Protein backbone atom coordinates (compact mmCIF):
# COMPACT_ATOMS: atom_id res chain seq x y z
CA MET A 1 30.83 -6.33 17.79
CA ASP A 2 29.71 -7.81 14.48
CA ARG A 3 30.60 -6.40 11.11
CA LEU A 4 27.15 -4.85 10.39
CA ARG A 5 27.09 -2.98 13.68
CA CYS A 6 30.66 -1.75 13.33
CA ARG A 7 30.07 -0.46 9.81
CA TRP A 8 26.89 1.31 10.79
CA LEU A 9 28.35 3.00 13.89
CA LEU A 10 31.22 4.38 11.82
CA PHE A 11 28.72 5.89 9.39
CA VAL A 12 26.63 7.40 12.21
CA ALA A 13 29.70 8.99 13.78
CA PHE A 14 30.76 10.47 10.45
CA THR A 15 27.26 11.81 9.79
CA VAL A 16 27.05 13.53 13.19
CA LEU A 17 30.34 15.35 12.53
CA LEU A 18 29.00 16.69 9.24
CA THR A 19 25.57 17.71 10.54
CA PRO A 20 25.17 21.48 10.05
CA CYS A 21 24.34 23.46 13.15
CA TRP A 22 21.33 25.02 11.45
CA ALA A 23 19.60 21.73 10.75
CA GLN A 24 16.19 21.56 12.39
CA PRO A 25 14.94 18.37 14.06
CA ARG A 26 11.99 16.70 12.33
CA GLN A 27 9.42 14.40 13.86
CA ALA A 28 6.35 12.49 12.75
CA THR A 29 4.13 9.77 14.18
CA ASP A 30 4.06 6.45 12.32
CA SER A 31 1.37 3.77 12.01
CA ALA A 32 2.45 2.14 15.27
CA GLY A 33 1.94 5.41 17.14
CA ARG A 34 5.68 5.92 17.58
CA VAL A 35 7.18 9.38 17.27
CA ILE A 36 10.12 9.23 14.85
CA LEU A 37 12.61 12.03 15.52
CA LEU A 38 15.38 12.99 13.09
CA ARG A 39 18.20 15.43 13.84
CA GLN A 40 17.74 16.90 10.36
CA PRO A 41 15.63 16.19 7.25
CA ALA A 42 16.35 12.76 5.80
CA GLN A 43 18.54 12.91 2.72
CA ARG A 44 18.99 9.18 2.07
CA ILE A 45 15.73 7.24 2.33
CA VAL A 46 15.06 3.55 1.75
CA SER A 47 11.53 2.36 0.94
CA LEU A 48 10.59 -1.21 1.78
CA ALA A 49 7.23 -1.44 -0.01
CA PRO A 50 5.91 -0.33 -3.42
CA HIS A 51 3.19 1.89 -1.94
CA ILE A 52 5.79 3.61 0.26
CA THR A 53 7.90 4.42 -2.79
CA GLU A 54 4.86 6.08 -4.35
CA LEU A 55 4.09 8.00 -1.16
CA LEU A 56 7.67 9.30 -0.92
CA PHE A 57 7.60 10.56 -4.49
CA ALA A 58 4.17 12.11 -3.90
CA ALA A 59 5.66 13.88 -0.85
CA GLY A 60 8.33 15.47 -3.03
CA ALA A 61 11.10 13.26 -1.63
CA GLY A 62 11.76 11.17 -4.74
CA THR A 63 15.28 12.49 -5.26
CA GLN A 64 16.15 11.46 -1.70
CA VAL A 65 15.11 7.82 -2.19
CA VAL A 66 18.26 5.69 -2.60
CA GLY A 67 16.80 2.18 -2.35
CA VAL A 68 13.44 0.47 -2.81
CA SER A 69 11.71 -2.89 -2.57
CA GLU A 70 10.93 -5.34 -5.32
CA PHE A 71 7.96 -4.28 -7.52
CA SER A 72 8.53 -0.57 -6.82
CA ASP A 73 7.68 0.22 -10.43
CA TYR A 74 6.00 3.60 -10.07
CA PRO A 75 6.90 6.30 -10.82
CA ALA A 76 9.31 5.44 -13.62
CA ALA A 77 12.22 7.05 -11.75
CA ALA A 78 11.92 4.37 -9.05
CA GLN A 79 12.50 1.47 -11.43
CA SER A 80 16.25 2.01 -11.70
CA LEU A 81 16.89 2.33 -7.96
CA PRO A 82 18.68 -0.48 -6.06
CA LYS A 83 16.36 -3.22 -4.81
CA VAL A 84 17.07 -4.10 -1.17
CA ALA A 85 13.96 -6.07 -0.19
CA ARG A 86 11.32 -8.45 -1.42
CA ALA A 87 8.24 -9.96 0.18
CA THR A 88 10.31 -12.76 1.70
CA GLY A 89 12.94 -10.59 3.38
CA ILE A 90 15.35 -7.66 3.50
CA ASP A 91 18.95 -7.68 2.26
CA LEU A 92 20.52 -5.98 5.28
CA GLU A 93 24.03 -5.81 3.81
CA ARG A 94 22.81 -4.07 0.69
CA LEU A 95 20.51 -1.76 2.62
CA LEU A 96 23.24 -0.61 5.02
CA ALA A 97 25.63 -0.05 2.12
CA LEU A 98 23.25 2.69 0.94
CA ARG A 99 23.86 4.59 4.23
CA PRO A 100 20.21 5.58 4.81
CA ASP A 101 19.20 8.11 7.43
CA LEU A 102 15.56 6.94 7.24
CA VAL A 103 13.97 3.58 6.45
CA VAL A 104 10.24 3.56 5.69
CA ALA A 105 8.73 0.11 6.11
CA TRP A 106 5.58 -1.98 5.92
CA THR A 107 5.35 -4.47 8.76
CA SER A 108 5.20 -8.10 7.69
CA GLN A 109 6.14 -11.33 9.39
CA ALA A 110 8.99 -11.83 6.93
CA HIS A 111 10.44 -8.37 7.64
CA ARG A 112 9.86 -8.13 11.38
CA GLN A 113 13.18 -9.53 12.56
CA SER A 114 15.18 -7.46 10.06
CA LEU A 115 13.38 -4.26 11.05
CA ALA A 116 14.19 -4.92 14.70
CA ARG A 117 17.82 -5.43 13.69
CA LEU A 118 17.89 -2.12 11.83
CA GLU A 119 16.58 -0.31 14.89
CA GLN A 120 19.17 -2.03 17.08
CA LEU A 121 21.81 -0.60 14.76
CA GLY A 122 20.41 2.88 15.35
CA LEU A 123 18.48 3.46 12.14
CA SER A 124 15.26 5.44 12.19
CA VAL A 125 12.41 3.22 10.95
CA PHE A 126 9.04 4.79 10.10
CA LEU A 127 6.15 2.34 9.68
CA SER A 128 3.70 3.27 6.93
CA GLU A 129 0.51 1.24 6.99
CA PRO A 130 -2.46 3.36 5.87
CA ARG A 131 -5.67 1.70 7.05
CA ALA A 132 -8.16 4.14 5.54
CA LEU A 133 -8.23 6.17 2.36
CA GLU A 134 -7.80 9.37 4.38
CA ASP A 135 -4.61 7.96 5.90
CA ILE A 136 -2.86 8.22 2.54
CA ALA A 137 -2.85 12.02 2.72
CA THR A 138 -1.73 11.91 6.36
CA HIS A 139 1.23 9.67 5.50
CA ILE A 140 2.27 11.89 2.60
CA GLU A 141 2.39 14.81 5.01
CA ALA A 142 4.33 12.86 7.64
CA LEU A 143 6.92 11.71 5.12
CA GLY A 144 7.23 15.27 3.85
CA VAL A 145 8.02 16.44 7.37
CA LEU A 146 10.76 13.82 7.81
CA ALA A 147 12.22 14.52 4.36
CA GLY A 148 12.06 18.31 4.66
CA THR A 149 9.68 18.55 1.71
CA SER A 150 6.57 19.68 3.57
CA THR A 151 5.55 22.28 0.98
CA ASP A 152 5.28 19.69 -1.78
CA ALA A 153 3.81 17.09 0.58
CA GLN A 154 1.09 19.40 1.85
CA ALA A 155 0.11 20.35 -1.69
CA SER A 156 -0.05 16.67 -2.69
CA ALA A 157 -2.06 15.74 0.42
CA ALA A 158 -4.49 18.61 -0.16
CA SER A 159 -5.00 17.52 -3.76
CA PHE A 160 -5.67 13.95 -2.63
CA ARG A 161 -8.26 15.07 -0.08
CA THR A 162 -9.99 17.29 -2.64
CA GLN A 163 -10.15 14.45 -5.17
CA LEU A 164 -11.40 11.99 -2.55
CA ALA A 165 -14.17 14.38 -1.48
CA ALA A 166 -15.17 14.96 -5.12
CA LEU A 167 -15.25 11.20 -5.77
CA ARG A 168 -17.43 10.63 -2.72
CA GLN A 169 -19.79 13.40 -3.81
CA ALA A 170 -20.02 12.03 -7.35
CA GLN A 171 -20.73 8.49 -6.16
CA SER A 172 -23.27 9.34 -3.46
CA SER A 173 -26.47 7.50 -4.28
CA SER A 174 -29.51 6.00 -2.60
CA ALA A 175 -29.45 2.94 -4.88
CA PRO A 176 -29.30 -0.46 -3.14
CA LEU A 177 -25.82 -1.78 -2.45
CA LEU A 178 -24.45 -4.37 -4.85
CA ARG A 179 -23.21 -7.52 -3.11
CA VAL A 180 -19.78 -8.34 -4.49
CA PHE A 181 -17.14 -11.02 -4.11
CA TYR A 182 -13.67 -9.51 -4.41
CA GLN A 183 -11.21 -12.19 -5.55
CA ILE A 184 -7.42 -11.92 -5.21
CA GLU A 185 -6.57 -15.60 -5.82
CA SER A 186 -8.28 -18.48 -7.67
CA ARG A 187 -6.84 -21.68 -6.20
CA PRO A 188 -7.97 -21.56 -3.52
CA TRP A 189 -10.43 -18.68 -3.64
CA MET A 190 -9.07 -15.84 -1.54
CA THR A 191 -10.67 -12.50 -0.80
CA LEU A 192 -10.25 -9.46 1.47
CA ASN A 193 -12.24 -8.53 4.56
CA GLY A 194 -13.78 -5.24 5.58
CA THR A 195 -10.65 -3.84 7.26
CA HIS A 196 -8.81 -3.59 3.95
CA TRP A 197 -9.01 -0.25 2.11
CA VAL A 198 -10.36 -2.09 -0.95
CA SER A 199 -13.60 -2.63 1.00
CA GLN A 200 -13.72 1.11 1.60
CA ALA A 201 -13.33 1.69 -2.13
CA LEU A 202 -16.16 -0.78 -2.77
CA SER A 203 -18.39 0.99 -0.27
CA LEU A 204 -17.63 4.34 -1.90
CA CYS A 205 -18.81 2.80 -5.20
CA GLY A 206 -22.07 1.57 -3.71
CA ALA A 207 -20.98 -2.05 -3.26
CA GLN A 208 -20.83 -4.36 -0.25
CA ASN A 209 -18.08 -6.92 0.29
CA ILE A 210 -19.88 -10.18 1.15
CA PHE A 211 -16.94 -11.28 3.30
CA ALA A 212 -16.45 -7.97 5.10
CA ASP A 213 -17.01 -9.69 8.45
CA ALA A 214 -14.26 -12.29 7.98
CA ARG A 215 -11.82 -12.43 10.90
CA VAL A 216 -8.60 -12.37 8.88
CA ILE A 217 -7.67 -9.72 6.35
CA ALA A 218 -7.26 -12.19 3.46
CA PRO A 219 -9.50 -15.20 4.14
CA ILE A 220 -9.66 -18.36 2.05
CA VAL A 221 -13.28 -19.24 1.25
CA ASP A 222 -15.03 -22.21 -0.28
CA ALA A 223 -18.00 -22.68 -2.60
CA GLU A 224 -20.40 -23.32 0.29
CA ALA A 225 -19.54 -19.98 1.92
CA ILE A 226 -20.07 -18.15 -1.36
CA LEU A 227 -23.40 -19.86 -2.03
CA ALA A 228 -24.55 -18.98 1.49
CA ASN A 229 -24.28 -15.28 0.61
CA PRO A 230 -24.29 -15.18 -3.19
CA PRO A 231 -22.69 -12.11 -4.78
CA GLN A 232 -24.37 -10.15 -7.51
CA VAL A 233 -21.00 -9.27 -9.03
CA ILE A 234 -17.59 -10.95 -8.99
CA ILE A 235 -14.52 -8.72 -9.05
CA PHE A 236 -11.09 -10.14 -9.78
CA ALA A 237 -7.73 -8.42 -9.23
CA PRO A 238 -5.27 -10.58 -11.18
CA THR A 239 -1.50 -10.27 -11.19
CA ASP A 240 -0.58 -12.43 -14.16
CA GLN A 241 -3.69 -14.52 -14.80
CA PRO A 242 -5.71 -13.87 -17.99
CA ALA A 243 -9.41 -13.14 -17.62
CA HIS A 244 -10.64 -16.30 -19.31
CA THR A 245 -8.70 -18.50 -16.86
CA TRP A 246 -10.35 -17.25 -13.69
CA GLN A 247 -13.74 -16.93 -15.36
CA ASN A 248 -13.56 -20.56 -16.52
CA GLU A 249 -12.73 -21.57 -12.95
CA TRP A 250 -16.02 -20.05 -11.80
CA ARG A 251 -17.93 -21.70 -14.64
CA ARG A 252 -16.48 -25.06 -13.67
CA ARG A 253 -16.99 -24.81 -9.90
CA LEU A 254 -20.13 -22.67 -9.47
CA PRO A 255 -22.05 -22.58 -12.76
CA GLN A 256 -25.35 -22.21 -10.88
CA LEU A 257 -24.35 -18.87 -9.33
CA PRO A 258 -26.38 -16.08 -11.02
CA ALA A 259 -23.32 -13.79 -11.26
CA VAL A 260 -21.51 -16.57 -13.15
CA ARG A 261 -24.47 -17.52 -15.30
CA ASP A 262 -24.99 -13.88 -16.34
CA ALA A 263 -21.25 -13.11 -16.63
CA ARG A 264 -21.51 -10.28 -14.12
CA TRP A 265 -17.83 -9.88 -13.40
CA ILE A 266 -15.20 -7.15 -13.45
CA THR A 267 -11.41 -7.18 -13.70
CA VAL A 268 -9.47 -4.46 -11.85
CA ASP A 269 -5.82 -3.43 -11.72
CA ALA A 270 -4.27 -4.80 -8.52
CA ASN A 271 -1.14 -2.64 -8.83
CA THR A 272 -3.18 0.51 -8.32
CA LEU A 273 -6.16 -0.61 -6.24
CA HIS A 274 -4.08 -2.66 -3.79
CA ARG A 275 -1.56 0.09 -3.04
CA PRO A 276 -2.55 2.82 -0.57
CA SER A 277 -1.09 5.62 -2.67
CA PRO A 278 -2.57 8.55 -4.64
CA ARG A 279 -3.19 6.26 -7.62
CA ILE A 280 -5.90 4.47 -5.68
CA LEU A 281 -8.33 7.30 -6.46
CA PRO A 282 -8.39 6.94 -10.28
CA ALA A 283 -8.44 3.16 -9.73
CA THR A 284 -11.48 3.54 -7.47
CA GLU A 285 -13.15 5.82 -9.98
CA ALA A 286 -12.64 3.17 -12.67
CA LEU A 287 -14.08 0.53 -10.31
CA CYS A 288 -17.15 2.69 -9.71
CA ARG A 289 -17.71 3.08 -13.46
CA ALA A 290 -17.43 -0.66 -14.01
CA LEU A 291 -19.87 -1.40 -11.19
CA HIS A 292 -22.31 1.16 -12.56
CA GLN A 293 -22.28 -0.61 -15.92
CA VAL A 294 -23.32 -3.95 -14.39
CA ARG A 295 -25.76 -2.52 -11.85
C-alpha cells in the first residue's frame, strides 16, 4: 500500500468514528450525471477551478473551502487559501494534506489521471462543468446541498435566475444580429464555438458568433476563414495583452476587413465572461452595452 493511500485511509477511518449520528446524508448529481452521496454535509472542500471557487462562495460554503486552484482570485477571501492545482496538474500530496471530504473539479486532460487517483483513494469528486447560463444556478444549488448550505444556495440561485430573466427581457430585440468574431488568442487567432457559454451571452446580446459551427470548442482560424464570413465586430478577451497590440495585429494582417478599417472592436474582461459563475451576468450586460454602441 503506497504512502498516499495509507494516509488517506487513516483519515477516513478517523472521520467515520467522529461522524455524529444525527448527520443527514447529502446527494447531488454532477455534470457527468453521477450521483455524489456524502454521509454528512461537506466541511472541508477543495475547489480545482476558479469558477468553482466562485460557485462555492455563492452557495454559502466559502468558510468550508480549504484549498483552491491557481487563479482563484474571487472573492477576496479565496486569495489567501492554499493553492493545490494549476492548469497543468494537481498537487496530490498537498491536496490530501488538507483532508477534504469533497473535491469539486473541472475535467481537463491534465487533471484526468489525478482525479481518477483521488476517487481510487475514496474521495468524493463532484464535477462542475456548466454548459448553459441556466446551469450556473443549478450548480450553486447542488453545491449547497452537498455543503449543507441549501438556504443560502437557493437564495443565490433564485437571484441569478431573476437577473438572467431580466437581462433577457431587457435585451430582447427584433434588430438584425451582429456577426462577431470572438478572439481569445492572437498568434494564432483562436476563438470559441457555439457550445461555449460565451456564444450564449453573445446571442443574448443580439450577436452571432461567426464560428459557432466549428467542431472544436476553441478552434484556431486563419485569415481566409475570417474573410469567408467577415465579422461586423471583433471582440477580444485579453489576459495580459494591451489593446493596441491585438488591434495592430489585425491592421497588419487584415487591413481590408471593414470591422478593422472602421475600428469596430470591443475588449471584454475574460476573468468574468469566461467563468460560469454569477459574475457572468454583469459581464454579459456590459458586453450588450458595448455591442449596442457599435451597432
